[in-house]
């Protein structure tokens, strides 16, 4: 249970990462991924990387530059432009639905205009799920200049789209539905220089 704790990725650039173990029974037709990050990086970095042997960017949450997030599904991406933060925690949730190909993006508890992405696609199930690095091969192929440095917390993955009130609940750290990956019962393994510490502020 990592409640009120954070992963601190200490070095920049870094070869460190955290492996997450998800219990997925079948391929994903829908998903929602949420997390909170705190960093002063201005170069590109990866937040959440879900790769299969067939597709290294099966699900990827990537920040190519300040004020911009990319959501990849099955190797294709859409870009969401957000206000450049005042060096504070940023909470993001991204959800996707195969039937409509609609990608939703929520930034600090507010929805951004929806975009279209990979309608009819199915996300594979045998996955390597990593924090802090972008996979260019299954479970590896890292570029240290896309590594994350800073603090990560409140990481969740659901095998469904969340309703707007649940998206807001995720931002406020309230009660949430059972998840494939849940911050309060996370199965993880640290690889390299990552430290679990108490959160300094809410």
N, C-alpha and C. Protein backbone atom coordinates (compact mmCIF):
# COMPACT_ATOMS: atom_id res chain seq x y z
N UNK A 1 0.85 -1.19 0.00
CA UNK A 1 0.00 0.00 0.00
C UNK A 1 0.88 1.24 0.00
N UNK A 2 0.77 2.02 -1.09
CA UNK A 2 1.64 3.19 -1.24
C UNK A 2 0.89 4.50 -0.96
N UNK A 3 -0.20 4.40 -0.19
CA UNK A 3 -0.98 5.59 0.15
C UNK A 3 -0.07 6.64 0.81
N UNK A 4 -0.17 7.86 0.32
CA UNK A 4 0.64 9.00 0.80
C UNK A 4 2.15 8.79 0.62
N UNK A 5 2.52 7.90 -0.30
CA UNK A 5 3.93 7.73 -0.63
C UNK A 5 4.15 8.07 -2.09
N UNK A 6 5.42 8.19 -2.48
CA UNK A 6 5.78 8.50 -3.87
C UNK A 6 6.99 7.66 -4.28
N UNK A 7 7.12 7.43 -5.58
CA UNK A 7 8.38 6.94 -6.13
C UNK A 7 9.23 8.17 -6.48
N UNK A 8 10.46 8.23 -5.95
CA UNK A 8 11.38 9.31 -6.33
C UNK A 8 12.43 8.72 -7.28
N UNK A 9 12.42 9.22 -8.52
CA UNK A 9 13.44 8.87 -9.51
C UNK A 9 14.53 9.92 -9.37
N UNK A 10 15.67 9.52 -8.78
CA UNK A 10 16.63 10.52 -8.27
C UNK A 10 17.52 11.13 -9.34
N UNK A 11 17.84 10.36 -10.38
CA UNK A 11 18.89 10.81 -11.31
C UNK A 11 18.32 11.34 -12.61
N UNK A 12 19.09 12.22 -13.27
CA UNK A 12 18.74 12.70 -14.61
C UNK A 12 20.01 12.86 -15.44
N UNK A 13 20.12 12.20 -16.60
CA UNK A 13 19.21 11.15 -17.07
C UNK A 13 19.47 9.86 -16.30
N UNK A 14 18.59 8.88 -16.50
CA UNK A 14 18.61 7.72 -15.64
C UNK A 14 18.29 6.45 -16.43
N UNK A 15 18.80 5.32 -15.92
CA UNK A 15 18.39 4.03 -16.51
C UNK A 15 17.46 3.29 -15.56
N UNK A 16 16.97 4.00 -14.51
CA UNK A 16 16.10 3.37 -13.51
C UNK A 16 14.66 3.30 -14.00
N UNK A 17 13.93 2.32 -13.48
CA UNK A 17 12.51 2.20 -13.79
C UNK A 17 11.82 1.34 -12.74
N UNK A 18 10.50 1.33 -12.78
CA UNK A 18 9.70 0.48 -11.90
C UNK A 18 8.83 -0.41 -12.77
N UNK A 19 8.89 -1.73 -12.50
CA UNK A 19 8.05 -2.70 -13.21
C UNK A 19 6.76 -2.88 -12.42
N UNK A 20 5.62 -2.78 -13.11
CA UNK A 20 4.33 -3.01 -12.47
C UNK A 20 3.75 -4.33 -12.95
N UNK A 21 3.17 -5.08 -12.04
CA UNK A 21 2.58 -6.38 -12.41
C UNK A 21 1.07 -6.26 -12.42
N UNK A 22 0.49 -6.36 -13.61
CA UNK A 22 -0.96 -6.24 -13.77
C UNK A 22 -1.57 -7.62 -13.99
N UNK A 23 -2.75 -7.81 -13.42
CA UNK A 23 -3.47 -9.07 -13.64
C UNK A 23 -4.53 -8.84 -14.71
N UNK A 24 -4.18 -9.16 -15.94
CA UNK A 24 -5.10 -8.98 -17.06
C UNK A 24 -5.49 -10.34 -17.61
N UNK A 25 -6.78 -10.58 -17.70
CA UNK A 25 -7.25 -11.86 -18.22
C UNK A 25 -7.42 -11.83 -19.74
N UNK A 26 -7.94 -10.70 -20.24
CA UNK A 26 -8.20 -10.63 -21.68
C UNK A 26 -7.73 -9.30 -22.25
N UNK A 27 -7.58 -9.23 -23.58
CA UNK A 27 -7.17 -7.99 -24.24
C UNK A 27 -8.12 -6.84 -23.90
N UNK A 28 -7.60 -5.63 -23.95
CA UNK A 28 -8.36 -4.45 -23.52
C UNK A 28 -9.10 -3.81 -24.69
N UNK A 29 -10.41 -3.67 -24.55
CA UNK A 29 -11.21 -2.87 -25.50
C UNK A 29 -11.35 -1.44 -24.98
N UNK A 30 -11.14 -1.27 -23.70
CA UNK A 30 -11.21 0.05 -23.05
C UNK A 30 -10.17 0.09 -21.94
N UNK A 31 -9.69 1.28 -21.63
CA UNK A 31 -8.83 1.42 -20.45
C UNK A 31 -8.86 2.85 -19.96
N UNK A 32 -8.45 3.03 -18.71
CA UNK A 32 -8.16 4.35 -18.15
C UNK A 32 -6.85 4.22 -17.38
N UNK A 33 -5.94 5.14 -17.61
CA UNK A 33 -4.71 5.20 -16.82
C UNK A 33 -4.64 6.57 -16.16
N UNK A 34 -4.34 6.59 -14.86
CA UNK A 34 -4.21 7.85 -14.11
C UNK A 34 -2.90 7.84 -13.34
N UNK A 35 -2.31 9.02 -13.20
CA UNK A 35 -1.12 9.15 -12.35
C UNK A 35 -0.86 10.61 -12.03
N UNK A 36 -0.01 10.81 -11.02
CA UNK A 36 0.39 12.14 -10.58
C UNK A 36 1.90 12.23 -10.71
N UNK A 37 2.38 13.34 -11.27
CA UNK A 37 3.84 13.50 -11.43
C UNK A 37 4.28 14.89 -10.97
N UNK A 38 5.55 14.94 -10.58
CA UNK A 38 6.13 16.19 -10.06
C UNK A 38 7.58 16.22 -10.53
N UNK A 39 7.90 17.15 -11.41
CA UNK A 39 9.24 17.18 -11.98
C UNK A 39 9.56 18.58 -12.48
N UNK A 40 10.85 18.87 -12.65
CA UNK A 40 11.23 20.12 -13.30
C UNK A 40 11.89 19.87 -14.66
N UNK A 41 11.71 18.65 -15.19
CA UNK A 41 12.27 18.34 -16.51
C UNK A 41 11.60 19.19 -17.60
N UNK A 42 12.39 19.59 -18.60
CA UNK A 42 11.81 20.25 -19.78
C UNK A 42 12.04 19.42 -21.05
N UNK A 43 12.90 18.39 -20.96
CA UNK A 43 13.12 17.51 -22.11
C UNK A 43 12.00 16.46 -22.17
N UNK A 44 11.94 15.67 -23.26
CA UNK A 44 10.91 14.63 -23.35
C UNK A 44 11.09 13.56 -22.26
N UNK A 45 9.96 13.04 -21.76
CA UNK A 45 10.06 11.93 -20.82
C UNK A 45 8.80 11.07 -20.87
N UNK A 46 9.00 9.81 -20.48
CA UNK A 46 7.92 8.83 -20.45
C UNK A 46 7.40 8.70 -19.02
N UNK A 47 6.07 8.63 -18.89
CA UNK A 47 5.45 8.45 -17.58
C UNK A 47 4.99 7.01 -17.36
N UNK A 48 4.25 6.48 -18.35
CA UNK A 48 3.65 5.15 -18.21
C UNK A 48 3.81 4.43 -19.55
N UNK A 49 4.48 3.28 -19.53
CA UNK A 49 4.76 2.55 -20.77
C UNK A 49 4.27 1.11 -20.64
N UNK A 50 3.34 0.73 -21.55
CA UNK A 50 2.74 -0.61 -21.55
C UNK A 50 3.04 -1.19 -22.92
N UNK A 51 3.93 -2.17 -22.94
CA UNK A 51 4.39 -2.74 -24.22
C UNK A 51 4.02 -4.21 -24.32
N UNK A 52 3.71 -4.65 -25.54
CA UNK A 52 3.56 -6.07 -25.81
C UNK A 52 4.66 -6.46 -26.80
N UNK A 53 4.81 -7.76 -27.04
CA UNK A 53 5.85 -8.19 -27.98
C UNK A 53 5.56 -7.69 -29.39
N UNK A 54 4.28 -7.52 -29.71
CA UNK A 54 3.90 -7.05 -31.05
C UNK A 54 4.02 -5.54 -31.19
N UNK A 55 3.88 -4.78 -30.10
CA UNK A 55 3.80 -3.31 -30.19
C UNK A 55 4.41 -2.68 -28.94
N UNK A 56 5.55 -1.97 -29.12
CA UNK A 56 6.22 -1.41 -27.94
C UNK A 56 5.46 -0.21 -27.35
N UNK A 57 4.70 0.52 -28.17
CA UNK A 57 3.88 1.63 -27.65
C UNK A 57 2.40 1.24 -27.65
N UNK A 58 2.12 0.11 -27.01
CA UNK A 58 0.73 -0.37 -26.93
C UNK A 58 -0.13 0.66 -26.18
N UNK A 59 0.33 1.02 -24.98
CA UNK A 59 -0.21 2.20 -24.28
C UNK A 59 1.00 2.99 -23.78
N UNK A 60 1.05 4.26 -24.10
CA UNK A 60 2.17 5.09 -23.63
C UNK A 60 1.65 6.48 -23.31
N UNK A 61 2.01 6.95 -22.11
CA UNK A 61 1.74 8.33 -21.71
C UNK A 61 3.09 9.02 -21.69
N UNK A 62 3.24 9.99 -22.58
CA UNK A 62 4.55 10.58 -22.86
C UNK A 62 4.42 12.10 -22.86
N UNK A 63 5.44 12.78 -22.34
CA UNK A 63 5.44 14.24 -22.35
C UNK A 63 6.61 14.73 -23.19
N UNK A 64 6.38 15.09 -24.47
CA UNK A 64 7.49 15.47 -25.34
C UNK A 64 8.12 16.81 -24.99
N UNK A 65 7.32 17.72 -24.39
CA UNK A 65 7.83 19.03 -24.00
C UNK A 65 6.86 19.65 -23.01
N UNK A 66 7.27 20.72 -22.32
CA UNK A 66 6.34 21.36 -21.36
C UNK A 66 5.04 21.77 -22.06
N UNK A 67 3.93 21.56 -21.37
CA UNK A 67 2.63 21.98 -21.92
C UNK A 67 2.03 21.03 -22.94
N UNK A 68 2.60 19.82 -23.06
CA UNK A 68 2.08 18.88 -24.06
C UNK A 68 2.16 17.45 -23.54
N UNK A 69 1.07 16.71 -23.68
CA UNK A 69 1.06 15.28 -23.37
C UNK A 69 0.67 14.50 -24.62
N UNK A 70 1.25 13.32 -24.79
CA UNK A 70 0.85 12.42 -25.86
C UNK A 70 0.31 11.13 -25.27
N UNK A 71 -0.81 10.68 -25.82
CA UNK A 71 -1.34 9.36 -25.49
C UNK A 71 -1.20 8.48 -26.72
N UNK A 72 -0.45 7.38 -26.57
CA UNK A 72 -0.30 6.39 -27.64
C UNK A 72 -1.19 5.20 -27.35
N UNK A 73 -1.85 4.69 -28.39
CA UNK A 73 -2.54 3.41 -28.34
C UNK A 73 -2.15 2.65 -29.61
N UNK A 74 -1.55 1.47 -29.43
CA UNK A 74 -1.17 0.66 -30.58
C UNK A 74 -0.24 1.37 -31.55
N UNK A 75 0.68 2.19 -31.02
CA UNK A 75 1.69 2.84 -31.85
C UNK A 75 1.28 4.17 -32.47
N UNK A 76 -0.02 4.52 -32.43
CA UNK A 76 -0.49 5.82 -32.93
C UNK A 76 -0.74 6.73 -31.72
N UNK A 77 -0.64 8.06 -31.96
CA UNK A 77 -0.84 8.95 -30.80
C UNK A 77 -1.69 10.17 -31.13
N UNK A 78 -2.26 10.76 -30.08
CA UNK A 78 -2.89 12.07 -30.15
C UNK A 78 -2.20 12.95 -29.11
N UNK A 79 -2.23 14.25 -29.36
CA UNK A 79 -1.55 15.23 -28.50
C UNK A 79 -2.59 16.08 -27.77
N UNK A 80 -2.36 16.29 -26.49
CA UNK A 80 -3.20 17.18 -25.70
C UNK A 80 -2.31 18.31 -25.17
N UNK A 81 -2.70 19.55 -25.47
CA UNK A 81 -1.92 20.71 -25.03
C UNK A 81 -2.53 21.27 -23.75
N UNK A 82 -1.69 21.42 -22.74
CA UNK A 82 -2.18 21.85 -21.42
C UNK A 82 -1.41 23.09 -20.99
N UNK A 83 -1.97 23.88 -20.05
CA UNK A 83 -1.22 25.05 -19.58
C UNK A 83 0.09 24.62 -18.93
N UNK A 84 1.14 25.32 -19.19
CA UNK A 84 2.43 24.95 -18.58
C UNK A 84 2.37 25.23 -17.09
N UNK A 85 2.66 24.19 -16.32
CA UNK A 85 2.41 24.22 -14.87
C UNK A 85 3.31 25.20 -14.13
N UNK A 86 2.86 25.56 -12.94
CA UNK A 86 3.69 26.37 -12.06
C UNK A 86 4.52 25.46 -11.19
N UNK A 87 5.23 24.50 -11.81
CA UNK A 87 6.11 23.60 -11.07
C UNK A 87 5.36 22.97 -9.89
N UNK A 88 4.23 22.36 -10.19
CA UNK A 88 3.45 21.71 -9.15
C UNK A 88 3.16 20.28 -9.59
N UNK A 89 2.54 19.51 -8.71
CA UNK A 89 2.07 18.18 -9.09
C UNK A 89 1.09 18.32 -10.24
N UNK A 90 1.21 17.45 -11.25
CA UNK A 90 0.25 17.40 -12.34
C UNK A 90 -0.44 16.05 -12.31
N UNK A 91 -1.77 16.07 -12.27
CA UNK A 91 -2.54 14.82 -12.29
C UNK A 91 -3.15 14.65 -13.67
N UNK A 92 -2.92 13.49 -14.28
CA UNK A 92 -3.50 13.21 -15.59
C UNK A 92 -4.22 11.86 -15.57
N UNK A 93 -5.34 11.82 -16.28
CA UNK A 93 -6.04 10.56 -16.56
C UNK A 93 -6.29 10.52 -18.06
N UNK A 94 -5.99 9.40 -18.66
CA UNK A 94 -6.28 9.21 -20.09
C UNK A 94 -7.12 7.96 -20.23
N UNK A 95 -8.21 8.05 -20.99
CA UNK A 95 -9.00 6.85 -21.23
C UNK A 95 -9.25 6.70 -22.72
N UNK A 96 -9.51 5.46 -23.11
CA UNK A 96 -9.70 5.14 -24.52
C UNK A 96 -10.71 4.03 -24.66
N UNK A 97 -11.50 4.12 -25.75
CA UNK A 97 -12.57 3.17 -25.99
C UNK A 97 -12.48 2.70 -27.44
N UNK A 98 -12.32 1.40 -27.61
CA UNK A 98 -12.14 0.84 -28.95
C UNK A 98 -13.35 1.06 -29.86
N UNK A 99 -14.56 0.87 -29.31
CA UNK A 99 -15.79 0.92 -30.13
C UNK A 99 -15.95 2.25 -30.86
N UNK A 100 -15.62 3.35 -30.19
CA UNK A 100 -15.77 4.68 -30.80
C UNK A 100 -14.43 5.27 -31.23
N UNK A 101 -13.32 4.70 -30.71
CA UNK A 101 -12.01 5.30 -30.95
C UNK A 101 -11.86 6.66 -30.28
N UNK A 102 -12.60 6.86 -29.19
CA UNK A 102 -12.53 8.15 -28.49
C UNK A 102 -11.46 8.09 -27.39
N UNK A 103 -10.55 9.07 -27.42
CA UNK A 103 -9.55 9.23 -26.36
C UNK A 103 -9.95 10.44 -25.51
N UNK A 104 -10.02 10.20 -24.21
CA UNK A 104 -10.34 11.28 -23.26
C UNK A 104 -9.09 11.61 -22.48
N UNK A 105 -8.93 12.89 -22.15
CA UNK A 105 -7.77 13.30 -21.38
C UNK A 105 -8.23 14.30 -20.32
N UNK A 106 -7.90 13.99 -19.07
CA UNK A 106 -8.26 14.85 -17.95
C UNK A 106 -6.96 15.37 -17.32
N UNK A 107 -6.89 16.67 -17.11
CA UNK A 107 -5.70 17.31 -16.56
C UNK A 107 -6.11 18.07 -15.29
N UNK A 108 -5.53 17.66 -14.16
CA UNK A 108 -5.86 18.27 -12.87
C UNK A 108 -7.37 18.35 -12.65
N UNK A 109 -8.05 17.23 -12.95
CA UNK A 109 -9.47 17.11 -12.65
C UNK A 109 -10.41 17.73 -13.66
N UNK A 110 -9.87 18.22 -14.80
CA UNK A 110 -10.72 18.83 -15.82
C UNK A 110 -10.54 18.13 -17.17
N UNK A 111 -11.67 17.93 -17.90
CA UNK A 111 -11.57 17.25 -19.20
C UNK A 111 -11.09 18.19 -20.29
N UNK A 112 -10.27 17.64 -21.18
CA UNK A 112 -9.80 18.35 -22.37
C UNK A 112 -10.68 17.90 -23.56
N UNK A 113 -10.66 18.63 -24.68
CA UNK A 113 -11.45 18.17 -25.84
C UNK A 113 -11.05 16.75 -26.26
N UNK A 114 -12.04 15.90 -26.48
CA UNK A 114 -11.78 14.51 -26.84
C UNK A 114 -11.24 14.40 -28.26
N UNK A 115 -10.48 13.34 -28.50
CA UNK A 115 -9.87 13.12 -29.81
C UNK A 115 -10.11 11.68 -30.27
N UNK A 116 -9.91 11.45 -31.55
CA UNK A 116 -10.12 10.12 -32.13
C UNK A 116 -8.80 9.38 -32.28
N UNK A 117 -8.81 8.09 -31.92
CA UNK A 117 -7.57 7.30 -31.94
C UNK A 117 -7.89 5.82 -32.03
N UNK A 118 -7.40 5.15 -33.08
CA UNK A 118 -7.38 3.69 -33.17
C UNK A 118 -8.74 3.02 -32.94
N UNK A 119 -9.76 3.49 -33.64
CA UNK A 119 -11.08 2.86 -33.52
C UNK A 119 -11.01 1.40 -33.95
N UNK A 120 -11.62 0.52 -33.13
CA UNK A 120 -11.64 -0.91 -33.46
C UNK A 120 -10.40 -1.68 -33.06
N UNK A 121 -9.43 -0.99 -32.49
CA UNK A 121 -8.17 -1.63 -32.09
C UNK A 121 -8.39 -2.41 -30.78
N UNK A 122 -7.55 -3.41 -30.52
CA UNK A 122 -7.56 -4.14 -29.25
C UNK A 122 -6.15 -4.12 -28.67
N UNK A 123 -6.04 -3.74 -27.41
CA UNK A 123 -4.75 -3.69 -26.71
C UNK A 123 -4.39 -5.08 -26.21
N UNK A 124 -3.20 -5.56 -26.57
CA UNK A 124 -2.74 -6.90 -26.20
C UNK A 124 -2.59 -7.09 -24.70
N UNK A 125 -2.55 -8.34 -24.28
CA UNK A 125 -2.65 -8.64 -22.86
C UNK A 125 -1.32 -9.04 -22.21
N UNK A 126 -0.44 -9.68 -22.97
CA UNK A 126 0.88 -10.08 -22.41
C UNK A 126 1.80 -8.87 -22.43
N UNK A 127 1.80 -8.11 -21.34
CA UNK A 127 2.43 -6.79 -21.38
C UNK A 127 3.55 -6.63 -20.36
N UNK A 128 4.52 -5.79 -20.73
CA UNK A 128 5.51 -5.26 -19.78
C UNK A 128 5.07 -3.84 -19.47
N UNK A 129 4.80 -3.56 -18.18
CA UNK A 129 4.30 -2.25 -17.78
C UNK A 129 5.37 -1.57 -16.92
N UNK A 130 5.87 -0.43 -17.40
CA UNK A 130 6.98 0.25 -16.73
C UNK A 130 6.67 1.71 -16.46
N UNK A 131 7.20 2.19 -15.35
CA UNK A 131 7.20 3.62 -15.05
C UNK A 131 8.60 4.16 -15.22
N UNK A 132 8.72 5.34 -15.79
CA UNK A 132 10.00 6.04 -15.81
C UNK A 132 10.86 5.83 -17.03
N UNK A 133 10.51 4.87 -17.89
CA UNK A 133 11.26 4.66 -19.14
C UNK A 133 10.26 4.39 -20.26
N UNK A 134 10.69 4.69 -21.48
CA UNK A 134 9.89 4.36 -22.65
C UNK A 134 10.49 3.14 -23.33
N UNK A 135 9.68 2.10 -23.54
CA UNK A 135 10.18 0.85 -24.12
C UNK A 135 10.22 0.96 -25.64
N UNK A 136 11.39 0.68 -26.22
CA UNK A 136 11.49 0.54 -27.67
C UNK A 136 11.61 -0.92 -28.05
N UNK A 137 11.58 -1.79 -27.05
CA UNK A 137 11.53 -3.24 -27.23
C UNK A 137 10.80 -3.75 -26.01
N UNK A 138 10.32 -4.98 -26.06
CA UNK A 138 9.53 -5.52 -24.96
C UNK A 138 10.36 -5.57 -23.68
N UNK A 139 10.02 -4.73 -22.70
CA UNK A 139 10.73 -4.71 -21.43
C UNK A 139 12.09 -4.04 -21.46
N UNK A 140 12.43 -3.34 -22.57
CA UNK A 140 13.75 -2.71 -22.64
C UNK A 140 13.85 -1.74 -23.81
N UNK A 141 15.09 -1.60 -24.34
CA UNK A 141 15.33 -0.68 -25.45
C UNK A 141 15.17 0.77 -25.04
N UNK A 142 15.69 1.13 -23.85
CA UNK A 142 15.47 2.48 -23.32
C UNK A 142 16.41 3.50 -23.95
N UNK A 143 15.90 4.74 -24.03
CA UNK A 143 16.74 5.90 -24.34
C UNK A 143 16.75 6.74 -23.06
N UNK A 144 17.94 6.87 -22.43
CA UNK A 144 17.99 7.57 -21.13
C UNK A 144 17.49 9.01 -21.24
N UNK A 145 17.53 9.58 -22.46
CA UNK A 145 17.05 10.97 -22.63
C UNK A 145 15.54 11.05 -22.78
N UNK A 146 14.85 9.91 -22.63
CA UNK A 146 13.39 9.90 -22.47
C UNK A 146 12.99 9.40 -21.08
N UNK A 147 13.98 9.30 -20.18
CA UNK A 147 13.71 8.78 -18.84
C UNK A 147 13.06 9.85 -17.98
N UNK A 148 12.32 9.40 -16.97
CA UNK A 148 11.68 10.33 -16.04
C UNK A 148 12.59 10.57 -14.85
N UNK A 149 12.60 11.81 -14.39
CA UNK A 149 13.31 12.16 -13.16
C UNK A 149 12.37 13.05 -12.35
N UNK A 150 12.15 12.69 -11.08
CA UNK A 150 11.20 13.44 -10.26
C UNK A 150 10.39 12.48 -9.42
N UNK A 151 9.13 12.84 -9.14
CA UNK A 151 8.29 12.04 -8.25
C UNK A 151 7.02 11.59 -8.98
N UNK A 152 6.64 10.34 -8.74
CA UNK A 152 5.41 9.77 -9.30
C UNK A 152 4.57 9.18 -8.18
N UNK A 153 3.25 9.30 -8.31
CA UNK A 153 2.33 8.76 -7.30
C UNK A 153 0.97 8.49 -7.92
N UNK A 154 0.12 7.84 -7.14
CA UNK A 154 -1.30 7.63 -7.49
C UNK A 154 -1.48 7.01 -8.88
N UNK A 155 -0.75 5.93 -9.12
CA UNK A 155 -0.80 5.28 -10.43
C UNK A 155 -1.90 4.21 -10.44
N UNK A 156 -2.76 4.29 -11.45
CA UNK A 156 -3.88 3.36 -11.61
C UNK A 156 -4.04 2.97 -13.07
N UNK A 157 -4.48 1.74 -13.29
CA UNK A 157 -4.93 1.31 -14.62
C UNK A 157 -6.22 0.52 -14.44
N UNK A 158 -7.25 0.94 -15.18
CA UNK A 158 -8.52 0.22 -15.20
C UNK A 158 -8.75 -0.37 -16.58
N UNK A 159 -9.48 -1.50 -16.62
CA UNK A 159 -9.80 -2.11 -17.91
C UNK A 159 -11.18 -1.63 -18.39
N UNK A 160 -11.45 -0.33 -18.13
CA UNK A 160 -12.71 0.29 -18.56
C UNK A 160 -12.51 1.80 -18.60
N UNK A 161 -13.46 2.47 -19.23
CA UNK A 161 -13.45 3.94 -19.18
C UNK A 161 -14.11 4.38 -17.88
N UNK A 162 -13.53 5.37 -17.21
CA UNK A 162 -14.14 5.89 -15.99
C UNK A 162 -15.16 6.97 -16.32
N UNK A 163 -16.22 7.05 -15.50
CA UNK A 163 -17.21 8.11 -15.65
C UNK A 163 -16.58 9.44 -15.21
N UNK A 164 -17.18 10.57 -15.65
CA UNK A 164 -16.63 11.88 -15.24
C UNK A 164 -16.49 12.04 -13.73
N UNK A 165 -17.48 11.55 -12.95
CA UNK A 165 -17.33 11.73 -11.50
C UNK A 165 -16.19 10.88 -10.93
N UNK A 166 -15.93 9.72 -11.54
CA UNK A 166 -14.80 8.90 -11.08
C UNK A 166 -13.46 9.52 -11.52
N UNK A 167 -13.44 10.17 -12.68
CA UNK A 167 -12.24 10.90 -13.11
C UNK A 167 -11.91 11.99 -12.09
N UNK A 168 -12.93 12.70 -11.64
CA UNK A 168 -12.72 13.75 -10.64
C UNK A 168 -12.30 13.14 -9.30
N UNK A 169 -12.89 11.97 -8.96
CA UNK A 169 -12.53 11.28 -7.72
C UNK A 169 -11.06 10.86 -7.73
N UNK A 170 -10.56 10.44 -8.90
CA UNK A 170 -9.14 10.06 -9.02
C UNK A 170 -8.25 11.27 -8.73
N UNK A 171 -8.64 12.44 -9.26
CA UNK A 171 -7.87 13.66 -9.02
C UNK A 171 -7.87 14.02 -7.54
N UNK A 172 -9.01 13.80 -6.87
CA UNK A 172 -9.13 14.17 -5.45
C UNK A 172 -8.70 13.05 -4.51
N UNK A 173 -8.20 11.93 -5.07
CA UNK A 173 -7.77 10.77 -4.27
C UNK A 173 -8.90 10.23 -3.39
N UNK A 174 -10.09 10.14 -3.96
CA UNK A 174 -11.23 9.59 -3.24
C UNK A 174 -11.38 8.11 -3.57
N UNK A 175 -12.46 7.50 -3.08
CA UNK A 175 -12.73 6.08 -3.34
C UNK A 175 -12.87 5.81 -4.83
N UNK A 176 -12.24 4.74 -5.29
CA UNK A 176 -12.23 4.42 -6.72
C UNK A 176 -12.63 2.97 -6.94
N UNK A 177 -13.16 2.66 -8.14
CA UNK A 177 -13.53 1.27 -8.42
C UNK A 177 -12.29 0.37 -8.46
N UNK A 178 -12.47 -0.95 -8.28
CA UNK A 178 -11.35 -1.89 -8.35
C UNK A 178 -10.59 -1.74 -9.67
N UNK A 179 -9.27 -1.78 -9.59
CA UNK A 179 -8.43 -1.52 -10.77
C UNK A 179 -7.49 -2.69 -11.04
N UNK A 180 -7.04 -2.77 -12.29
CA UNK A 180 -6.03 -3.76 -12.69
C UNK A 180 -4.70 -3.45 -12.00
N UNK A 181 -4.36 -2.15 -11.95
CA UNK A 181 -3.22 -1.65 -11.16
C UNK A 181 -3.76 -0.59 -10.23
N UNK A 182 -3.51 -0.73 -8.94
CA UNK A 182 -4.03 0.25 -7.97
C UNK A 182 -2.92 0.67 -7.02
N UNK A 183 -2.81 1.95 -6.79
CA UNK A 183 -1.75 2.51 -5.95
C UNK A 183 -1.78 1.94 -4.54
N UNK A 184 -2.99 1.61 -4.05
CA UNK A 184 -3.12 1.14 -2.67
C UNK A 184 -2.88 -0.36 -2.53
N UNK A 185 -2.64 -1.04 -3.65
CA UNK A 185 -2.29 -2.47 -3.59
C UNK A 185 -1.41 -2.81 -4.79
N UNK A 186 -0.31 -2.07 -4.92
CA UNK A 186 0.52 -2.17 -6.12
C UNK A 186 1.53 -3.30 -6.00
N UNK A 187 1.58 -4.14 -7.03
CA UNK A 187 2.62 -5.16 -7.12
C UNK A 187 3.70 -4.61 -8.04
N UNK A 188 4.87 -4.30 -7.48
CA UNK A 188 5.90 -3.62 -8.27
C UNK A 188 7.29 -4.10 -7.90
N UNK A 189 8.24 -3.79 -8.79
CA UNK A 189 9.65 -4.09 -8.54
C UNK A 189 10.48 -2.92 -9.03
N UNK A 190 11.32 -2.39 -8.15
CA UNK A 190 12.19 -1.26 -8.49
C UNK A 190 13.44 -1.78 -9.17
N UNK A 191 13.81 -1.16 -10.29
CA UNK A 191 15.05 -1.50 -11.01
C UNK A 191 15.91 -0.24 -11.06
N UNK A 192 16.99 -0.22 -10.29
CA UNK A 192 17.88 0.94 -10.32
C UNK A 192 17.51 1.96 -9.25
N UNK A 193 17.86 3.20 -9.50
CA UNK A 193 17.87 4.24 -8.48
C UNK A 193 16.50 4.90 -8.33
N UNK A 194 15.58 4.19 -7.68
CA UNK A 194 14.25 4.73 -7.37
C UNK A 194 13.99 4.46 -5.90
N UNK A 195 13.52 5.47 -5.18
CA UNK A 195 13.31 5.36 -3.74
C UNK A 195 11.85 5.65 -3.43
N UNK A 196 11.26 4.85 -2.53
CA UNK A 196 9.89 5.13 -2.05
C UNK A 196 10.01 6.02 -0.82
N UNK A 197 9.35 7.18 -0.88
CA UNK A 197 9.39 8.16 0.23
C UNK A 197 7.98 8.66 0.55
N UNK A 198 7.76 9.19 1.75
CA UNK A 198 6.46 9.83 2.03
C UNK A 198 6.27 11.05 1.13
N UNK A 199 5.00 11.33 0.80
CA UNK A 199 4.73 12.55 0.02
C UNK A 199 4.97 13.75 0.90
N UNK A 200 5.62 14.77 0.37
CA UNK A 200 5.96 15.95 1.17
C UNK A 200 4.75 16.87 1.37
N UNK A 201 3.88 16.91 0.35
CA UNK A 201 2.70 17.77 0.50
C UNK A 201 1.58 17.20 -0.35
N UNK A 202 0.36 17.59 -0.02
CA UNK A 202 -0.80 17.06 -0.76
C UNK A 202 -0.93 17.76 -2.09
